[in-house]
Amino acid sequence: MQLLEYYQNQLPYSDAFIPRKCHLPQNKDINLFGVRGAGKTALLLDYLAQHVDISLLYIDMDDPNLIFKTLETRSLQQYIDAHNIQILVLDHYKEGILDSFPNVTQLILVTRTKLSMEHCIPIELFPLDYEEFLAFESNSLRHRGFNHFLRSGTLPLLARSQKNSHQAMKTFFQSAFDTQEQKLLLILAQHHTKHLTTHQIYTFAKEKFKVSKDWLYKTIKCFAEEKLILFIEDRYQKSGKKMLLFDFAFAKYLTIGQPFILQFDTMIALALIKHQIEVHTLGIHGYITKNNELILPSPFESEESLWVKSQNKFNLYKKYGVQKVTIVTVANSYEYFIEKLHFEALPFDEWSVINDESSLSKQADED
């Protein structure tokens, strides 16, 4: 009881919170989940700051005071009843810690992966998209937003680190992952954007450090469920899936000499996933949506050069039923037709906003 009283009186706060596109519903049980570093705790603390007149209990399950003490549903319920707690928050919760949950007006569970709980509304928080990232920029830096986005990536902590993103990345890497996970991430970064199977990852890993097959397969599964890594199916080739790390700047930090085109390619893929657009890869020819729109990363290539390449690949596009080709660039805009197939080039900042609006419209239609 003394520890619970301590937690009730020591509610942390989020300093200078920047609003996100994700919102938590009032008076509903919630499972807020997402990859580590996405900003779940900051979003939650901002939500709780709007309920200062309500009796609430926030428990960080990673708090060291809980290492030698066990939370039990019975003692939690007694404390909730005695102090009229209306909102109970279990941050960094892991499935199975409690065999049941106490009765409370609102229960909020913050996890890395979605819990299998019917009475909790699942809300996934992704890392920042480009528009959210710009909101983190100060007015004096906003004019160089794309360059800063490229350097800092999509994690809120790094977006706010204006001067030393490298040090912030190092801190995140060392604090968010244990030593064995760090070694595996280095292997994954070396093969970032490649087509891989888990067996191939194991083969690469055991050449570099001592690792059991069971641990690696289990960890890769956990990483994929958390979306620390993403495997994208390929319509063009069936040997393995394209593997991406969850943040393009983080992948670059873990490797030496990663070319810009890989960063740009990953930036586009993550934007599609963030906006919940289902895609496959088409070999090395881009990303293809469920509606057969081909998204082609091409940061600097000229219209004339792309037109020639499009002519050479036109039969491939017809074979796979491509209905439209969207070329994502850094700054160029142009369009052309080959027969009836429309090719349109858009700068990344404009394209990402259009995709966000399309995903919001889709969600509204589903609701």
Protein backbone atom coordinates (compact mmCIF):
# COMPACT_ATOMS: atom_id res chain seq x y z
CA MET A 1 0.00 0.00 0.00
CA GLN A 2 2.87 2.37 0.79
CA LEU A 3 4.32 1.86 -2.70
CA LEU A 4 0.93 2.51 -4.33
CA GLU A 5 0.55 5.69 -2.32
CA TYR A 6 4.00 6.75 -3.52
CA TYR A 7 2.97 6.18 -7.16
CA GLN A 8 -0.24 8.17 -6.71
CA ASN A 9 1.69 11.13 -5.32
CA GLN A 10 4.52 11.00 -7.90
CA LEU A 11 2.75 11.35 -11.22
CA PRO A 12 5.36 12.31 -13.85
CA TYR A 13 4.65 14.97 -16.43
CA SER A 14 5.59 15.54 -20.06
CA ASP A 15 7.56 18.73 -20.61
CA ALA A 16 6.52 20.82 -23.65
CA PHE A 17 4.44 18.07 -25.26
CA ILE A 18 3.87 18.44 -29.02
CA PRO A 19 0.38 17.23 -30.08
CA ARG A 20 0.20 14.05 -32.14
CA LYS A 21 -2.38 12.88 -34.66
CA CYS A 22 -3.26 9.98 -32.34
CA HIS A 23 -5.91 10.74 -29.70
CA LEU A 24 -7.04 8.72 -26.68
CA PRO A 25 -10.80 8.35 -26.14
CA GLN A 26 -12.38 9.48 -22.88
CA ASN A 27 -13.82 7.02 -20.36
CA LYS A 28 -12.85 3.92 -22.34
CA ASP A 29 -10.48 1.09 -21.44
CA ILE A 30 -7.46 1.50 -23.74
CA ASN A 31 -4.51 -0.56 -24.88
CA LEU A 32 -2.05 2.00 -26.25
CA PHE A 33 0.67 0.09 -28.06
CA GLY A 34 3.56 0.74 -30.40
CA VAL A 35 7.27 0.35 -31.01
CA ARG A 36 9.65 1.56 -28.30
CA GLY A 37 10.57 5.21 -28.76
CA ALA A 38 7.30 6.12 -30.56
CA GLY A 39 6.21 8.53 -27.79
CA LYS A 40 3.53 6.46 -26.02
CA THR A 41 4.36 7.65 -22.51
CA ALA A 42 4.49 11.33 -23.56
CA LEU A 43 1.09 11.01 -25.27
CA LEU A 44 -0.34 9.30 -22.20
CA LEU A 45 1.02 11.87 -19.74
CA ASP A 46 -0.46 14.68 -21.81
CA TYR A 47 -3.81 12.88 -21.67
CA LEU A 48 -3.54 12.50 -17.88
CA ALA A 49 -2.61 16.18 -17.49
CA GLN A 50 -6.08 16.99 -18.81
CA HIS A 51 -7.63 15.03 -15.90
CA VAL A 52 -6.06 16.72 -12.88
CA ASP A 53 -9.43 16.84 -11.15
CA ILE A 54 -9.79 13.05 -11.34
CA SER A 55 -8.22 10.61 -8.89
CA LEU A 56 -5.75 8.51 -10.86
CA LEU A 57 -2.96 6.01 -10.29
CA TYR A 58 -0.02 5.77 -12.70
CA ILE A 59 2.33 2.80 -12.33
CA ASP A 60 5.44 2.39 -14.45
CA MET A 61 6.00 -1.35 -14.61
CA ASP A 62 9.69 -0.72 -15.39
CA ASP A 63 10.15 1.16 -12.10
CA PRO A 64 13.07 -0.40 -10.16
CA ASN A 65 10.99 -0.37 -6.98
CA LEU A 66 9.01 -3.25 -8.48
CA ILE A 67 12.03 -5.53 -9.02
CA PHE A 68 11.69 -7.12 -5.57
CA LYS A 69 7.99 -6.42 -5.10
CA THR A 70 5.03 -7.96 -6.89
CA LEU A 71 1.85 -6.18 -7.89
CA GLU A 72 -1.28 -8.17 -7.13
CA THR A 73 -4.79 -7.53 -8.39
CA ARG A 74 -6.27 -7.92 -4.91
CA SER A 75 -4.07 -5.25 -3.27
CA LEU A 76 -4.56 -2.97 -6.28
CA GLN A 77 -8.33 -3.30 -5.98
CA GLN A 78 -8.24 -2.56 -2.27
CA TYR A 79 -6.22 0.59 -2.87
CA ILE A 80 -8.47 1.69 -5.75
CA ASP A 81 -11.58 1.26 -3.62
CA ALA A 82 -10.06 2.98 -0.59
CA HIS A 83 -8.88 6.03 -2.54
CA ASN A 84 -11.68 6.20 -5.12
CA ILE A 85 -9.23 5.80 -8.03
CA GLN A 86 -10.99 6.40 -11.35
CA ILE A 87 -8.14 6.01 -13.85
CA LEU A 88 -5.54 3.24 -13.52
CA VAL A 89 -2.53 3.34 -15.85
CA LEU A 90 -0.04 0.49 -16.20
CA ASP A 91 2.80 1.80 -18.37
CA HIS A 92 5.35 -0.58 -19.92
CA TYR A 93 2.98 -3.43 -19.15
CA LYS A 94 3.84 -6.95 -20.33
CA GLU A 95 1.13 -9.50 -20.96
CA GLY A 96 0.66 -11.96 -18.11
CA ILE A 97 2.06 -9.82 -15.25
CA LEU A 98 -1.45 -9.71 -13.74
CA ASP A 99 -3.82 -12.67 -14.06
CA SER A 100 -6.76 -10.24 -13.98
CA PHE A 101 -7.33 -6.48 -13.76
CA PRO A 102 -9.06 -4.52 -11.01
CA ASN A 103 -12.40 -2.82 -11.57
CA VAL A 104 -11.87 0.86 -12.31
CA THR A 105 -13.65 3.55 -14.32
CA GLN A 106 -10.88 3.64 -16.94
CA LEU A 107 -8.01 1.21 -17.41
CA ILE A 108 -5.09 2.20 -19.66
CA LEU A 109 -2.44 -0.38 -20.55
CA VAL A 110 0.66 0.79 -22.43
CA THR A 111 2.52 -1.97 -24.25
CA ARG A 112 4.88 -2.57 -27.16
CA THR A 113 2.53 -4.97 -28.91
CA LYS A 114 -1.25 -5.27 -29.03
CA LEU A 115 -2.82 -7.22 -26.18
CA SER A 116 -5.50 -9.84 -26.79
CA MET A 117 -8.13 -8.11 -24.64
CA GLU A 118 -11.63 -7.61 -26.03
CA HIS A 119 -12.71 -4.92 -23.57
CA CYS A 120 -9.74 -2.63 -24.32
CA ILE A 121 -9.78 -0.38 -27.37
CA PRO A 122 -6.49 -1.01 -29.21
CA ILE A 123 -4.74 2.20 -30.30
CA GLU A 124 -1.45 1.94 -32.14
CA LEU A 125 1.00 4.83 -31.98
CA PHE A 126 3.50 4.92 -34.82
CA PRO A 127 6.67 7.02 -34.80
CA LEU A 128 6.37 10.49 -36.33
CA ASP A 129 5.27 11.05 -39.88
CA TYR A 130 6.69 14.04 -41.76
CA GLU A 131 3.93 16.46 -40.74
CA GLU A 132 4.24 15.49 -37.07
CA PHE A 133 8.00 15.87 -37.31
CA LEU A 134 7.62 19.43 -38.63
CA ALA A 135 5.48 20.25 -35.60
CA PHE A 136 8.52 19.42 -33.45
CA GLU A 137 10.64 21.91 -35.37
CA SER A 138 11.16 25.41 -34.03
CA ASN A 139 10.15 28.21 -36.37
CA SER A 140 13.80 29.07 -37.01
CA LEU A 141 14.56 25.55 -38.21
CA ARG A 142 11.39 24.73 -40.13
CA HIS A 143 12.82 25.89 -43.47
CA ARG A 144 15.28 22.99 -43.36
CA GLY A 145 12.73 20.44 -42.18
CA PHE A 146 13.41 17.76 -44.81
CA ASN A 147 17.16 17.73 -44.14
CA HIS A 148 16.56 17.55 -40.41
CA PHE A 149 13.98 14.79 -40.92
CA LEU A 150 16.51 12.84 -42.98
CA ARG A 151 19.15 13.22 -40.28
CA SER A 152 16.98 12.72 -37.18
CA GLY A 153 14.36 10.22 -38.35
CA THR A 154 10.93 9.55 -36.90
CA LEU A 155 11.47 9.09 -33.15
CA PRO A 156 10.12 12.04 -31.09
CA LEU A 157 13.09 12.10 -28.70
CA LEU A 158 15.48 12.50 -31.61
CA ALA A 159 13.28 15.00 -33.44
CA ARG A 160 13.54 17.32 -30.45
CA SER A 161 17.31 16.94 -30.22
CA GLN A 162 18.21 19.90 -32.43
CA LYS A 163 21.96 20.02 -31.83
CA ASN A 164 23.25 16.49 -31.26
CA SER A 165 21.06 13.83 -32.80
CA HIS A 166 24.01 11.40 -32.87
CA GLN A 167 24.32 11.48 -29.08
CA ALA A 168 20.54 11.13 -28.67
CA MET A 169 20.60 8.12 -31.01
CA LYS A 170 23.38 6.55 -28.95
CA THR A 171 21.44 7.07 -25.73
CA PHE A 172 18.32 5.50 -27.25
CA PHE A 173 20.28 2.51 -28.58
CA GLN A 174 21.95 1.84 -25.23
CA SER A 175 18.89 2.40 -23.05
CA ALA A 176 16.15 0.74 -25.11
CA PHE A 177 17.92 -2.53 -25.96
CA ASP A 178 19.94 -5.08 -24.02
CA THR A 179 23.42 -6.13 -25.18
CA GLN A 180 22.27 -9.16 -27.17
CA GLU A 181 19.53 -7.15 -28.88
CA GLN A 182 22.08 -4.48 -29.78
CA LYS A 183 24.25 -7.06 -31.52
CA LEU A 184 21.28 -8.40 -33.48
CA LEU A 185 20.25 -4.88 -34.51
CA LEU A 186 23.74 -4.29 -35.90
CA ILE A 187 23.35 -7.41 -38.06
CA LEU A 188 19.90 -6.33 -39.20
CA ALA A 189 21.17 -2.83 -40.07
CA GLN A 190 23.89 -4.33 -42.26
CA HIS A 191 21.18 -6.09 -44.29
CA HIS A 192 18.61 -3.32 -44.12
CA THR A 193 16.33 -3.23 -47.25
CA LYS A 194 17.57 -6.69 -48.37
CA HIS A 195 15.35 -9.72 -49.04
CA LEU A 196 15.89 -12.08 -46.10
CA THR A 197 14.57 -15.12 -44.28
CA THR A 198 14.95 -15.62 -40.53
CA HIS A 199 17.31 -18.50 -41.23
CA GLN A 200 19.57 -16.19 -43.23
CA ILE A 201 19.55 -13.67 -40.38
CA TYR A 202 20.59 -16.46 -37.99
CA THR A 203 23.41 -17.48 -40.35
CA PHE A 204 24.72 -13.91 -40.52
CA ALA A 205 24.38 -13.42 -36.75
CA LYS A 206 26.22 -16.56 -35.63
CA GLU A 207 29.23 -15.50 -37.71
CA LYS A 208 29.53 -12.36 -35.56
CA PHE A 209 28.52 -13.33 -32.03
CA LYS A 210 27.46 -16.28 -29.89
CA VAL A 211 23.73 -16.74 -30.32
CA SER A 212 21.28 -19.63 -29.99
CA LYS A 213 18.88 -20.40 -32.79
CA ASP A 214 15.93 -20.47 -30.37
CA TRP A 215 16.76 -17.01 -28.98
CA LEU A 216 17.23 -15.47 -32.41
CA TYR A 217 14.01 -16.89 -33.89
CA LYS A 218 12.05 -15.80 -30.81
CA THR A 219 13.60 -12.30 -30.84
CA ILE A 220 13.01 -11.80 -34.56
CA LYS A 221 9.37 -12.75 -33.99
CA CYS A 222 9.11 -10.26 -31.10
CA PHE A 223 10.84 -7.53 -33.12
CA ALA A 224 8.41 -8.12 -36.00
CA GLU A 225 5.35 -8.07 -33.71
CA GLU A 226 6.56 -4.81 -32.17
CA LYS A 227 7.36 -3.51 -35.69
CA LEU A 228 10.97 -2.81 -34.84
CA ILE A 229 11.56 -4.65 -38.09
CA LEU A 230 9.14 -4.95 -40.99
CA PHE A 231 8.99 -7.73 -43.55
CA ILE A 232 7.31 -6.75 -46.83
CA GLU A 233 6.04 -9.41 -49.25
CA ASP A 234 7.33 -9.27 -52.82
CA ARG A 235 5.16 -9.88 -55.88
CA TYR A 236 8.15 -10.11 -58.18
CA GLN A 237 10.45 -12.52 -56.38
CA LYS A 238 9.55 -15.15 -53.79
CA SER A 239 12.93 -15.72 -52.10
CA GLY A 240 12.52 -13.98 -48.75
CA LYS A 241 10.81 -10.71 -47.84
CA LYS A 242 12.22 -7.21 -47.89
CA MET A 243 13.37 -6.37 -44.36
CA LEU A 244 13.33 -2.80 -43.05
CA LEU A 245 14.27 -1.37 -39.69
CA PHE A 246 11.56 0.82 -38.17
CA ASP A 247 13.45 4.10 -38.56
CA PHE A 248 15.65 5.11 -41.50
CA ALA A 249 17.93 7.39 -39.45
CA PHE A 250 18.42 4.67 -36.82
CA ALA A 251 19.42 2.20 -39.55
CA LYS A 252 21.96 4.69 -40.87
CA TYR A 253 23.35 5.27 -37.36
CA LEU A 254 24.05 1.54 -37.01
CA THR A 255 25.95 1.26 -40.31
CA ILE A 256 28.71 3.03 -42.21
CA GLY A 257 28.25 4.45 -45.68
CA GLN A 258 24.57 3.72 -46.20
CA PRO A 259 23.68 5.40 -49.53
CA PHE A 260 21.05 8.12 -49.63
CA ILE A 261 18.78 6.12 -51.97
CA LEU A 262 18.34 3.42 -49.27
CA GLN A 263 17.35 6.05 -46.73
CA PHE A 264 14.93 7.62 -49.18
CA ASP A 265 13.48 4.22 -50.12
CA THR A 266 12.92 3.38 -46.46
CA MET A 267 11.45 6.81 -45.76
CA ILE A 268 8.79 6.14 -48.41
CA ALA A 269 8.05 2.60 -47.23
CA LEU A 270 7.64 3.75 -43.61
CA ALA A 271 5.35 6.59 -44.69
CA LEU A 272 3.11 4.07 -46.48
CA ILE A 273 3.04 1.79 -43.43
CA LYS A 274 2.44 4.71 -41.04
CA HIS A 275 -0.56 5.74 -43.15
CA GLN A 276 -1.82 2.13 -43.13
CA ILE A 277 -1.51 1.66 -46.89
CA GLU A 278 -1.04 -2.02 -47.66
CA VAL A 279 1.93 -2.56 -49.99
CA HIS A 280 4.12 -5.26 -51.49
CA THR A 281 7.43 -4.70 -53.18
CA LEU A 282 7.81 -5.29 -56.90
CA GLY A 283 11.39 -6.51 -56.77
CA ILE A 284 13.68 -3.51 -57.14
CA HIS A 285 10.99 -1.63 -59.03
CA GLY A 286 9.22 0.06 -56.11
CA TYR A 287 6.21 -0.54 -53.86
CA ILE A 288 2.82 -1.60 -55.21
CA THR A 289 -0.43 -0.98 -53.33
CA LYS A 290 -3.57 -3.09 -53.13
CA ASN A 291 -5.06 -0.76 -55.76
CA ASN A 292 -2.10 -1.46 -58.06
CA GLU A 293 -0.51 1.95 -57.74
CA LEU A 294 3.26 1.65 -58.09
CA ILE A 295 5.22 3.94 -55.76
CA LEU A 296 8.66 4.54 -57.22
CA PRO A 297 11.40 6.19 -55.09
CA SER A 298 13.49 8.37 -57.38
CA PRO A 299 14.95 11.30 -55.44
CA PHE A 300 16.87 13.17 -58.15
CA GLU A 301 16.32 11.56 -61.55
CA SER A 302 15.14 13.83 -64.36
CA GLU A 303 11.88 13.48 -66.25
CA GLU A 304 13.73 12.56 -69.45
CA SER A 305 15.72 9.79 -67.77
CA LEU A 306 12.62 8.36 -66.02
CA TRP A 307 10.66 8.41 -69.27
CA VAL A 308 13.29 6.25 -70.99
CA LYS A 309 13.36 3.78 -68.08
CA SER A 310 9.55 3.69 -67.99
CA GLN A 311 9.48 2.75 -71.65
CA ASN A 312 11.87 -0.14 -70.96
CA LYS A 313 9.79 -1.39 -68.01
CA PHE A 314 6.39 -0.81 -69.55
CA ASN A 315 5.76 -4.50 -70.33
CA LEU A 316 6.61 -5.35 -66.70
CA TYR A 317 4.10 -2.78 -65.47
CA LYS A 318 1.40 -4.24 -67.72
CA LYS A 319 2.20 -7.79 -66.57
CA TYR A 320 1.62 -6.87 -62.93
CA GLY A 321 -1.48 -4.78 -63.59
CA VAL A 322 -0.03 -1.40 -62.60
CA GLN A 323 -2.78 1.23 -62.84
CA LYS A 324 -0.72 4.31 -61.98
CA VAL A 325 2.93 5.11 -61.28
CA THR A 326 3.71 7.70 -58.62
CA ILE A 327 7.33 8.83 -58.63
CA VAL A 328 8.45 10.27 -55.28
CA THR A 329 11.28 12.79 -55.57
CA VAL A 330 13.10 15.22 -53.31
CA ALA A 331 11.96 18.34 -55.15
CA ASN A 332 10.88 17.60 -58.75
CA SER A 333 7.31 17.65 -60.10
CA TYR A 334 6.25 16.42 -63.55
CA GLU A 335 3.87 13.98 -65.24
CA TYR A 336 3.54 12.07 -68.49
CA PHE A 337 1.59 9.19 -70.05
CA ILE A 338 2.76 6.06 -71.80
CA GLU A 339 -0.27 4.77 -73.66
CA LYS A 340 -2.96 5.16 -70.96
CA LEU A 341 -0.66 4.67 -67.95
CA HIS A 342 -0.29 7.86 -65.91
CA PHE A 343 3.13 8.69 -64.43
CA GLU A 344 3.21 11.50 -61.87
CA ALA A 345 6.23 12.81 -59.94
CA LEU A 346 5.74 14.56 -56.60
CA PRO A 347 8.18 15.89 -53.98
CA PHE A 348 8.26 13.81 -50.81
CA ASP A 349 6.75 16.50 -48.58
CA GLU A 350 3.76 16.94 -50.91
CA TRP A 351 3.31 13.20 -51.51
CA SER A 352 3.40 12.34 -47.80
CA VAL A 353 0.64 14.84 -47.02
CA ILE A 354 -1.57 13.47 -49.82
CA ASN A 355 -1.11 9.93 -48.49
CA ASP A 356 -1.96 11.05 -44.97
CA GLU A 357 -5.16 12.72 -46.18
CA SER A 358 -6.07 9.56 -48.13
CA SER A 359 -5.57 7.35 -45.07
CA LEU A 360 -7.65 9.67 -42.86
CA SER A 361 -10.43 9.66 -45.47
CA LYS A 362 -10.31 5.87 -45.59
CA GLN A 363 -10.56 5.61 -41.79
CA ALA A 364 -13.53 8.01 -41.77
CA ASP A 365 -15.30 5.86 -44.36
CA GLU A 366 -14.67 2.72 -42.30
CA ASP A 367 -15.96 4.41 -39.12
